Amino acid sequence: MSMQTAELLAITPTLTIREVNEWDAVTLADYVAEIADERPNNTAIRRAMFPMSADGIRELLRRYREDGGSLFLVAEHEGEIAGMIRMTRGDAPYRRHVVTLSINLRRDMRGMGLGRRMMQEALAWAQTQPDIQRIELEALTRNRAALRVYERLGFHVEGIHRKMYQLTDEDGAPFVDAVVMTYPLDDETP
């Protein structure tokens, strides 16, 4: 157990990582709105890109439940959502072997090992799914802390999408680059 994980467990004995359920819809909608309104926002959660209502979250959860090849976990701390991680299987028949990982944490829960712990849970799940052959993620190049965590967990940079997002509402830079990373499964090499 790393020192950061030990620190996390010591200060958050009521932390639980679990699958999301429909009862989380209202709390999750509040959480998503909080993340979407952060500045700077280093996640893919924007008000225009993610359901912000409890009904929208319920619909998203229904799709995850019906898919059967995707995973949606939340970290719960003292009755509040502290983070979420999703592994979303590709919709197209020729991309059903690919899952896209996305993760975010409440600002006050960052830097304590929670993200690494959630990633380990999700990666362990993916390795038990015989249909999953590729795990990929995309991160903003400015999110250096997250990129370091991904690399330490074994993700490899596959490429950079230049000017991938136009986020003029943030730090004044009109465009932000994104890094594409993959996690090696089986005999896959970087």
C-alpha atoms as a PDB file:
ATOM      1  CA  MET A   1       0.000   0.000   0.000  1.00  0.00           C
ATOM      2  CA  SER A   2       1.453   3.367  -1.000  1.00  0.00           C
ATOM      3  CA  MET A   3       1.821   6.215   1.457  1.00  0.00           C
ATOM      4  CA  GLN A   4      -0.791   8.274  -0.425  1.00  0.00           C
ATOM      5  CA  THR A   5      -3.306   5.415  -0.335  1.00  0.00           C
ATOM      6  CA  ALA A   6      -2.627   4.915   3.369  1.00  0.00           C
ATOM      7  CA  GLU A   7      -3.182   8.651   3.916  1.00  0.00           C
ATOM      8  CA  LEU A   8      -6.432   8.497   1.959  1.00  0.00           C
ATOM      9  CA  LEU A   9      -7.699   5.562   3.977  1.00  0.00           C
ATOM     10  CA  ALA A  10      -6.635   7.188   7.228  1.00  0.00           C
ATOM     11  CA  ILE A  11      -8.505  10.420   6.559  1.00  0.00           C
ATOM     12  CA  THR A  12     -11.511   8.892   4.782  1.00  0.00           C
ATOM     13  CA  PRO A  13     -12.531   5.719   6.599  1.00  0.00           C
ATOM     14  CA  THR A  14     -16.035   6.010   5.140  1.00  0.00           C
ATOM     15  CA  LEU A  15     -14.889   5.976   1.525  1.00  0.00           C
ATOM     16  CA  THR A  16     -16.609   3.420  -0.712  1.00  0.00           C
ATOM     17  CA  ILE A  17     -16.070   2.707  -4.398  1.00  0.00           C
ATOM     18  CA  ARG A  18     -19.150   1.054  -5.830  1.00  0.00           C
ATOM     19  CA  GLU A  19     -21.272   0.692  -8.929  1.00  0.00           C
ATOM     20  CA  VAL A  20     -23.613   3.594  -9.483  1.00  0.00           C
ATOM     21  CA  ASN A  21     -27.346   2.961  -9.168  1.00  0.00           C
ATOM     22  CA  GLU A  22     -30.522   4.850 -10.040  1.00  0.00           C
ATOM     23  CA  TRP A  23     -30.813   6.160  -6.480  1.00  0.00           C
ATOM     24  CA  ASP A  24     -27.653   8.182  -7.176  1.00  0.00           C
ATOM     25  CA  ALA A  25     -29.296  10.245  -9.944  1.00  0.00           C
ATOM     26  CA  VAL A  26     -30.019  13.406  -7.931  1.00  0.00           C
ATOM     27  CA  THR A  27     -26.683  13.383  -6.086  1.00  0.00           C
ATOM     28  CA  LEU A  28     -24.821  12.572  -9.290  1.00  0.00           C
ATOM     29  CA  ALA A  29     -26.556  15.432 -11.140  1.00  0.00           C
ATOM     30  CA  ASP A  30     -25.361  17.832  -8.415  1.00  0.00           C
ATOM     31  CA  TYR A  31     -21.852  16.385  -8.580  1.00  0.00           C
ATOM     32  CA  VAL A  32     -21.691  16.683 -12.373  1.00  0.00           C
ATOM     33  CA  ALA A  33     -22.853  20.312 -12.218  1.00  0.00           C
ATOM     34  CA  GLU A  34     -20.132  21.076  -9.651  1.00  0.00           C
ATOM     35  CA  ILE A  35     -17.440  19.539 -11.880  1.00  0.00           C
ATOM     36  CA  ALA A  36     -18.800  21.261 -15.011  1.00  0.00           C
ATOM     37  CA  ASP A  37     -18.618  24.664 -13.312  1.00  0.00           C
ATOM     38  CA  GLU A  38     -15.008  24.279 -12.099  1.00  0.00           C
ATOM     39  CA  ARG A  39     -12.468  26.665 -13.560  1.00  0.00           C
ATOM     40  CA  PRO A  40     -10.155  25.596 -14.912  1.00  0.00           C
ATOM     41  CA  ASN A  41     -12.020  22.448 -15.839  1.00  0.00           C
ATOM     42  CA  ASN A  42      -9.681  19.642 -16.899  1.00  0.00           C
ATOM     43  CA  THR A  43     -12.462  17.110 -17.503  1.00  0.00           C
ATOM     44  CA  ALA A  44     -14.738  16.243 -20.398  1.00  0.00           C
ATOM     45  CA  ILE A  45     -17.729  17.330 -18.345  1.00  0.00           C
ATOM     46  CA  ARG A  46     -19.300  20.480 -19.716  1.00  0.00           C
ATOM     47  CA  ARG A  47     -22.904  21.509 -19.333  1.00  0.00           C
ATOM     48  CA  ALA A  48     -23.474  21.077 -23.068  1.00  0.00           C
ATOM     49  CA  MET A  49     -21.865  17.607 -23.164  1.00  0.00           C
ATOM     50  CA  PHE A  50     -23.267  15.753 -20.150  1.00  0.00           C
ATOM     51  CA  PRO A  51     -26.778  15.348 -18.720  1.00  0.00           C
ATOM     52  CA  MET A  52     -27.245  17.813 -15.874  1.00  0.00           C
ATOM     53  CA  SER A  53     -30.656  16.717 -14.614  1.00  0.00           C
ATOM     54  CA  ALA A  54     -31.572  13.709 -12.503  1.00  0.00           C
ATOM     55  CA  ASP A  55     -33.721  12.456 -15.403  1.00  0.00           C
ATOM     56  CA  GLY A  56     -30.800  12.806 -17.810  1.00  0.00           C
ATOM     57  CA  ILE A  57     -28.560  10.904 -15.396  1.00  0.00           C
ATOM     58  CA  ARG A  58     -31.198   8.162 -15.019  1.00  0.00           C
ATOM     59  CA  GLU A  59     -31.280   7.769 -18.810  1.00  0.00           C
ATOM     60  CA  LEU A  60     -27.476   7.542 -18.914  1.00  0.00           C
ATOM     61  CA  LEU A  61     -27.525   4.916 -16.158  1.00  0.00           C
ATOM     62  CA  ARG A  62     -30.195   2.953 -18.012  1.00  0.00           C
ATOM     63  CA  ARG A  63     -27.961   2.840 -21.107  1.00  0.00           C
ATOM     64  CA  TYR A  64     -24.997   1.609 -19.030  1.00  0.00           C
ATOM     65  CA  ARG A  65     -27.143  -1.067 -17.392  1.00  0.00           C
ATOM     66  CA  GLU A  66     -28.514  -2.293 -20.739  1.00  0.00           C
ATOM     67  CA  ASP A  67     -25.130  -2.312 -22.470  1.00  0.00           C
ATOM     68  CA  GLY A  68     -23.613  -4.952 -20.232  1.00  0.00           C
ATOM     69  CA  GLY A  69     -20.059  -4.213 -21.390  1.00  0.00           C
ATOM     70  CA  SER A  70     -19.596  -0.849 -19.718  1.00  0.00           C
ATOM     71  CA  LEU A  71     -18.840   0.127 -16.135  1.00  0.00           C
ATOM     72  CA  PHE A  72     -19.861   3.168 -14.068  1.00  0.00           C
ATOM     73  CA  LEU A  73     -18.412   3.494 -10.563  1.00  0.00           C
ATOM     74  CA  VAL A  74     -18.667   6.257  -7.988  1.00  0.00           C
ATOM     75  CA  ALA A  75     -16.549   6.974  -4.954  1.00  0.00           C
ATOM     76  CA  GLU A  76     -18.756   7.901  -2.041  1.00  0.00           C
ATOM     77  CA  HIS A  77     -17.444   9.733   0.999  1.00  0.00           C
ATOM     78  CA  GLU A  78     -19.693  10.571   3.937  1.00  0.00           C
ATOM     79  CA  GLY A  79     -22.818  10.276   1.787  1.00  0.00           C
ATOM     80  CA  GLU A  80     -21.532  12.493  -1.032  1.00  0.00           C
ATOM     81  CA  ILE A  81     -20.082  11.575  -4.386  1.00  0.00           C
ATOM     82  CA  ALA A  82     -16.357  12.244  -4.330  1.00  0.00           C
ATOM     83  CA  GLY A  83     -15.553  10.951  -7.806  1.00  0.00           C
ATOM     84  CA  MET A  84     -16.756   8.896 -10.717  1.00  0.00           C
ATOM     85  CA  ILE A  85     -15.143   6.675 -13.283  1.00  0.00           C
ATOM     86  CA  ARG A  86     -16.702   5.257 -16.419  1.00  0.00           C
ATOM     87  CA  MET A  87     -15.591   2.643 -18.900  1.00  0.00           C
ATOM     88  CA  THR A  88     -17.826   3.051 -21.913  1.00  0.00           C
ATOM     89  CA  ARG A  89     -17.908   0.409 -24.609  1.00  0.00           C
ATOM     90  CA  GLY A  90     -17.966   1.537 -28.229  1.00  0.00           C
ATOM     91  CA  ASP A  91     -21.414   1.791 -29.826  1.00  0.00           C
ATOM     92  CA  ALA A  92     -20.478   0.743 -33.349  1.00  0.00           C
ATOM     93  CA  PRO A  93     -20.247  -3.025 -33.953  1.00  0.00           C
ATOM     94  CA  TYR A  94     -16.633  -2.673 -35.084  1.00  0.00           C
ATOM     95  CA  ARG A  95     -15.693  -0.855 -31.832  1.00  0.00           C
ATOM     96  CA  ARG A  96     -17.391  -3.116 -29.277  1.00  0.00           C
ATOM     97  CA  HIS A  97     -13.956  -4.388 -28.175  1.00  0.00           C
ATOM     98  CA  VAL A  98     -12.895  -0.863 -27.096  1.00  0.00           C
ATOM     99  CA  VAL A  99     -13.743   0.883 -23.844  1.00  0.00           C
ATOM    100  CA  THR A 100     -13.109   4.554 -23.251  1.00  0.00           C
ATOM    101  CA  LEU A 101     -12.163   5.428 -19.705  1.00  0.00           C
ATOM    102  CA  SER A 102     -13.117   8.735 -18.133  1.00  0.00           C
ATOM    103  CA  ILE A 103     -12.573   9.776 -14.538  1.00  0.00           C
ATOM    104  CA  ASN A 104     -13.011  12.871 -12.426  1.00  0.00           C
ATOM    105  CA  LEU A 105     -12.816  13.734  -8.758  1.00  0.00           C
ATOM    106  CA  ARG A 106     -14.141  16.488  -6.577  1.00  0.00           C
ATOM    107  CA  ARG A 107     -11.446  19.121  -6.131  1.00  0.00           C
ATOM    108  CA  ASP A 108     -11.039  18.435  -2.397  1.00  0.00           C
ATOM    109  CA  MET A 109     -10.459  14.710  -3.041  1.00  0.00           C
ATOM    110  CA  ARG A 110      -7.595  15.101  -5.520  1.00  0.00           C
ATOM    111  CA  GLY A 111      -3.971  14.312  -4.764  1.00  0.00           C
ATOM    112  CA  MET A 112      -4.743  11.663  -2.119  1.00  0.00           C
ATOM    113  CA  GLY A 113      -4.644   8.485  -4.205  1.00  0.00           C
ATOM    114  CA  LEU A 114      -8.392   8.192  -4.786  1.00  0.00           C
ATOM    115  CA  GLY A 115      -8.061   8.515  -8.569  1.00  0.00           C
ATOM    116  CA  ARG A 116      -5.409   5.796  -8.673  1.00  0.00           C
ATOM    117  CA  ARG A 117      -7.583   3.541  -6.512  1.00  0.00           C
ATOM    118  CA  MET A 118     -10.619   4.071  -8.761  1.00  0.00           C
ATOM    119  CA  MET A 119      -8.520   3.427 -11.872  1.00  0.00           C
ATOM    120  CA  GLN A 120      -7.198   0.192 -10.379  1.00  0.00           C
ATOM    121  CA  GLU A 121     -10.768  -0.982  -9.701  1.00  0.00           C
ATOM    122  CA  ALA A 122     -11.857  -0.167 -13.259  1.00  0.00           C
ATOM    123  CA  LEU A 123      -8.773  -1.755 -14.858  1.00  0.00           C
ATOM    124  CA  ALA A 124      -9.252  -4.917 -12.780  1.00  0.00           C
ATOM    125  CA  TRP A 125     -12.855  -5.114 -13.982  1.00  0.00           C
ATOM    126  CA  ALA A 126     -11.808  -4.613 -17.624  1.00  0.00           C
ATOM    127  CA  GLN A 127      -9.305  -7.441 -17.401  1.00  0.00           C
ATOM    128  CA  THR A 128     -12.129  -9.838 -16.462  1.00  0.00           C
ATOM    129  CA  GLN A 129     -14.141  -8.917 -19.565  1.00  0.00           C
ATOM    130  CA  PRO A 130     -13.122 -11.212 -22.446  1.00  0.00           C
ATOM    131  CA  ASP A 131     -14.624  -8.917 -25.095  1.00  0.00           C
ATOM    132  CA  ILE A 132     -12.496  -5.909 -24.097  1.00  0.00           C
ATOM    133  CA  GLN A 133      -9.304  -5.734 -26.123  1.00  0.00           C
ATOM    134  CA  ARG A 134      -8.476  -2.025 -25.853  1.00  0.00           C
ATOM    135  CA  ILE A 135      -8.750   0.612 -23.139  1.00  0.00           C
ATOM    136  CA  GLU A 136      -8.260   4.203 -24.169  1.00  0.00           C
ATOM    137  CA  LEU A 137      -8.582   7.591 -22.571  1.00  0.00           C
ATOM    138  CA  GLU A 138      -8.180  11.180 -23.565  1.00  0.00           C
ATOM    139  CA  ALA A 139      -6.839  13.885 -21.268  1.00  0.00           C
ATOM    140  CA  LEU A 140      -6.171  17.567 -21.713  1.00  0.00           C
ATOM    141  CA  THR A 141      -2.449  18.231 -22.024  1.00  0.00           C
ATOM    142  CA  ARG A 142      -2.701  20.825 -19.254  1.00  0.00           C
ATOM    143  CA  ASN A 143      -3.871  18.148 -16.778  1.00  0.00           C
ATOM    144  CA  ARG A 144      -0.322  17.100 -15.930  1.00  0.00           C
ATOM    145  CA  ALA A 145      -1.140  15.508 -12.555  1.00  0.00           C
ATOM    146  CA  ALA A 146      -3.638  13.130 -14.161  1.00  0.00           C
ATOM    147  CA  LEU A 147      -1.240  12.295 -17.008  1.00  0.00           C
ATOM    148  CA  ARG A 148       1.413  11.274 -14.450  1.00  0.00           C
ATOM    149  CA  VAL A 149      -1.074   8.978 -12.679  1.00  0.00           C
ATOM    150  CA  TYR A 150      -2.096   7.360 -15.975  1.00  0.00           C
ATOM    151  CA  GLU A 151       1.532   6.728 -16.937  1.00  0.00           C
ATOM    152  CA  ARG A 152       2.327   5.231 -13.510  1.00  0.00           C
ATOM    153  CA  LEU A 153      -0.607   2.847 -13.940  1.00  0.00           C
ATOM    154  CA  GLY A 154       0.772   1.627 -17.272  1.00  0.00           C
ATOM    155  CA  PHE A 155      -0.988   3.784 -19.862  1.00  0.00           C
ATOM    156  CA  HIS A 156       1.047   4.779 -22.910  1.00  0.00           C
ATOM    157  CA  VAL A 157       0.769   7.935 -24.984  1.00  0.00           C
ATOM    158  CA  GLU A 158      -0.546   7.040 -28.404  1.00  0.00           C
ATOM    159  CA  GLY A 159      -0.819  10.523 -29.821  1.00  0.00           C
ATOM    160  CA  ILE A 160      -1.839  14.133 -29.389  1.00  0.00           C
ATOM    161  CA  HIS A 161      -4.879  15.772 -30.886  1.00  0.00           C
ATOM    162  CA  ARG A 162      -3.863  19.361 -31.564  1.00  0.00           C
ATOM    163  CA  LYS A 163      -6.488  22.029 -30.912  1.00  0.00           C
ATOM    164  CA  MET A 164      -8.936  19.300 -29.909  1.00  0.00           C
ATOM    165  CA  TYR A 165     -11.184  21.468 -27.745  1.00  0.00           C
ATOM    166  CA  GLN A 166     -12.194  25.075 -27.985  1.00  0.00           C
ATOM    167  CA  LEU A 167     -12.568  26.145 -24.368  1.00  0.00           C
ATOM    168  CA  THR A 168     -12.534  29.912 -24.584  1.00  0.00           C
ATOM    169  CA  ASP A 169     -14.590  30.166 -21.400  1.00  0.00           C
ATOM    170  CA  GLU A 170     -11.637  29.046 -19.317  1.00  0.00           C
ATOM    171  CA  ASP A 171      -8.104  30.420 -19.164  1.00  0.00           C
ATOM    172  CA  GLY A 172      -8.097  32.560 -22.275  1.00  0.00           C
ATOM    173  CA  ALA A 173      -6.362  29.997 -24.489  1.00  0.00           C
ATOM    174  CA  PRO A 174      -8.771  29.474 -27.376  1.00  0.00           C
ATOM    175  CA  PHE A 175      -7.787  25.855 -28.021  1.00  0.00           C
ATOM    176  CA  VAL A 176      -6.560  23.008 -25.843  1.00  0.00           C
ATOM    177  CA  ASP A 177      -4.678  19.905 -26.994  1.00  0.00           C
ATOM    178  CA  ALA A 178      -5.615  16.422 -25.816  1.00  0.00           C
ATOM    179  CA  VAL A 179      -3.417  13.378 -25.230  1.00  0.00           C
ATOM    180  CA  VAL A 180      -4.715   9.963 -26.307  1.00  0.00           C
ATOM    181  CA  MET A 181      -3.475   7.139 -24.090  1.00  0.00           C
ATOM    182  CA  THR A 182      -4.023   3.380 -24.168  1.00  0.00           C
ATOM    183  CA  TYR A 183      -3.621   0.620 -21.622  1.00  0.00           C
ATOM    184  CA  PRO A 184      -1.942  -2.585 -22.798  1.00  0.00           C
ATOM    185  CA  LEU A 185      -4.041  -5.732 -22.489  1.00  0.00           C
ATOM    186  CA  ASP A 186      -2.625  -9.231 -22.954  1.00  0.00           C
ATOM    187  CA  ASP A 187       0.318  -9.164 -25.349  1.00  0.00           C
ATOM    188  CA  GLU A 188      -0.327  -5.648 -26.645  1.00  0.00           C
ATOM    189  CA  THR A 189       2.799  -3.536 -26.806  1.00  0.00           C
ATOM    190  CA  PRO A 190       2.945   0.250 -26.633  1.00  0.00           C
END
